[in-house]
Protein backbone atom coordinates (compact mmCIF):
# COMPACT_ATOMS: atom_id res chain seq x y z
CA MET A 1 64.50 -124.98 -77.09
CA LYS A 2 62.06 -125.66 -74.26
CA ARG A 3 64.51 -124.44 -71.68
CA ARG A 4 65.18 -121.30 -73.73
CA LYS A 5 61.45 -120.53 -73.56
CA SER A 6 61.53 -121.13 -69.80
CA ARG A 7 64.46 -118.75 -69.44
CA GLU A 8 62.62 -116.10 -71.47
CA TYR A 9 59.59 -116.49 -69.21
CA ALA A 10 61.83 -116.31 -66.13
CA LEU A 11 63.26 -113.05 -67.47
CA GLN A 12 59.76 -111.64 -67.88
CA ILE A 13 58.74 -112.61 -64.34
CA LEU A 14 61.99 -111.38 -62.76
CA PHE A 15 61.68 -108.13 -64.70
CA GLN A 16 58.19 -107.67 -63.26
CA ILE A 17 59.39 -108.45 -59.74
CA ASP A 18 62.30 -106.03 -60.14
CA LEU A 19 60.08 -103.16 -61.31
CA GLN A 20 57.36 -103.76 -58.72
CA GLY A 21 59.81 -104.26 -55.89
CA LYS A 22 57.95 -107.25 -54.49
CA ARG A 23 57.76 -111.00 -54.82
CA ILE A 24 55.27 -112.64 -57.10
CA ASN A 25 52.70 -114.88 -55.44
CA GLY A 26 50.96 -118.02 -56.61
CA LYS A 27 47.92 -116.15 -57.90
CA GLU A 28 50.10 -113.82 -59.97
CA LEU A 29 51.95 -116.82 -61.40
CA GLU A 30 48.63 -118.41 -62.33
CA GLU A 31 47.66 -115.19 -64.11
CA PHE A 32 51.02 -115.16 -65.89
CA TRP A 33 50.46 -118.70 -67.20
CA ALA A 34 46.76 -118.20 -68.01
CA ASP A 35 47.26 -117.07 -71.62
CA LYS A 36 50.20 -119.38 -72.35
CA GLN A 37 49.79 -122.87 -73.72
CA GLU A 38 52.88 -124.42 -72.16
CA GLY A 39 53.57 -127.85 -70.71
CA GLU A 40 54.38 -128.55 -67.09
CA ASP A 41 58.09 -129.01 -67.87
CA ILE A 42 58.38 -125.40 -69.08
CA LYS A 43 56.39 -124.07 -66.13
CA GLU A 44 58.42 -126.08 -63.61
CA PHE A 45 61.81 -124.99 -64.99
CA THR A 46 60.65 -121.36 -65.22
CA GLU A 47 59.38 -121.34 -61.66
CA ASP A 48 62.54 -123.05 -60.40
CA LEU A 49 64.64 -120.31 -62.00
CA VAL A 50 62.45 -117.56 -60.59
CA ASN A 51 62.13 -118.99 -57.09
CA GLY A 52 65.78 -120.01 -56.88
CA THR A 53 66.88 -116.57 -58.04
CA VAL A 54 64.55 -114.65 -55.74
CA ASN A 55 65.36 -116.81 -52.71
CA ARG A 56 69.09 -116.15 -53.16
CA LEU A 57 68.86 -112.66 -54.62
CA ASP A 58 71.17 -110.87 -52.15
CA GLU A 59 73.90 -113.49 -52.55
CA ILE A 60 73.49 -113.56 -56.34
CA ASP A 61 73.60 -109.75 -56.60
CA SER A 62 76.69 -109.62 -54.41
CA THR A 63 78.42 -112.29 -56.51
CA ILE A 64 77.58 -110.46 -59.74
CA GLU A 65 78.91 -107.17 -58.36
CA ASN A 66 82.12 -108.88 -57.25
CA VAL A 67 82.88 -110.11 -60.76
CA ALA A 68 81.45 -107.08 -62.63
CA LYS A 69 84.36 -104.73 -62.20
CA ASN A 70 83.19 -101.15 -61.55
CA TRP A 71 79.49 -102.01 -61.94
CA LEU A 72 76.77 -101.87 -59.31
CA ILE A 73 73.82 -104.16 -59.94
CA LYS A 74 71.35 -101.29 -59.50
CA ARG A 75 73.07 -99.32 -62.28
CA MET A 76 72.78 -102.12 -64.83
CA ALA A 77 69.95 -102.15 -67.34
CA VAL A 78 66.92 -103.94 -65.87
CA VAL A 79 66.87 -106.60 -68.58
CA ASP A 80 70.61 -107.24 -68.30
CA ARG A 81 70.64 -107.54 -64.53
CA ASN A 82 67.76 -110.02 -64.56
CA ILE A 83 69.40 -112.15 -67.26
CA LEU A 84 72.55 -112.10 -65.13
CA ARG A 85 70.57 -113.03 -62.03
CA PHE A 86 68.89 -116.17 -63.37
CA ALA A 87 72.05 -117.22 -65.21
CA ALA A 88 74.09 -116.76 -62.03
CA TYR A 89 71.55 -118.90 -60.19
CA GLU A 90 71.97 -121.64 -62.81
CA ILE A 91 75.76 -121.49 -62.68
CA LEU A 92 76.01 -121.40 -58.90
CA TYR A 93 73.18 -123.74 -57.88
CA ARG A 94 72.15 -125.95 -60.80
CA ASN A 95 74.93 -128.50 -61.19
CA ASP A 96 72.89 -130.38 -63.80
CA ILE A 97 73.35 -127.59 -66.37
CA PRO A 98 76.83 -126.95 -67.81
CA SER A 99 77.86 -123.33 -67.30
CA ALA A 100 78.75 -123.05 -71.01
CA VAL A 101 75.12 -123.84 -71.88
CA THR A 102 73.83 -121.29 -69.37
CA ILE A 103 76.17 -118.60 -70.69
CA ASN A 104 75.24 -119.29 -74.30
CA GLU A 105 71.53 -119.17 -73.49
CA ALA A 106 71.94 -115.89 -71.58
CA ILE A 107 73.80 -114.36 -74.53
CA GLU A 108 71.09 -115.40 -76.98
CA ILE A 109 68.35 -114.04 -74.73
CA ALA A 110 70.27 -110.77 -74.36
CA LYS A 111 70.51 -110.49 -78.14
CA LYS A 112 66.74 -110.90 -78.37
CA PHE A 113 65.60 -108.70 -75.47
CA SER A 114 68.34 -106.16 -74.77
CA SER A 115 70.71 -103.77 -76.51
CA LYS A 116 73.36 -104.72 -79.04
CA ASP A 117 76.16 -104.34 -76.47
CA SER A 118 74.46 -106.43 -73.80
CA ALA A 119 75.48 -109.82 -75.15
CA SER A 120 79.22 -109.14 -74.74
CA PHE A 121 78.65 -107.46 -71.36
CA ILE A 122 76.71 -110.47 -70.08
CA ASN A 123 79.19 -112.92 -71.58
CA GLY A 124 82.11 -111.25 -69.81
CA ILE A 125 80.44 -111.19 -66.41
CA LEU A 126 79.10 -114.75 -66.58
CA ASP A 127 82.41 -116.10 -67.84
CA ARG A 128 84.23 -114.54 -64.87
CA LEU A 129 81.54 -115.77 -62.50
CA ALA A 130 81.81 -119.34 -63.80
CA LYS A 131 85.62 -119.28 -63.54
CA GLU A 132 85.56 -117.92 -59.99
CA ALA A 133 82.96 -120.54 -59.02
CA GLY A 134 85.21 -123.26 -60.49
CA LYS A 135 82.62 -124.15 -63.12
CA ALA A 136 84.33 -122.99 -66.29
């Protein structure tokens, strides 16, 4: 459950970055955490997801577009594309997390924060991504 909370926080931060069109700095991260009573493990995993995603954003977006038949990343709902982004980061670069766990977590977060159709949309894209990456 701790990692789910981290993923939800990562979504919030990535959403903010996406809308503002800029990276988030250390001071902004401090402000984000200021009203949250979370342990270091949650903060560390959240910031790893955010930094890893942002540092590889072009590659991640390209990979998502390659597996999302007939979809451009910029045309996806903001929440959906940012769930896809951090989940793609996990699948592609975090070998310590099984892709099935990442996909399940992304689906549950989509159910909570996005539209009713988003969960199946995200599931389909991440499943294809994991298979093409040899991690399914």
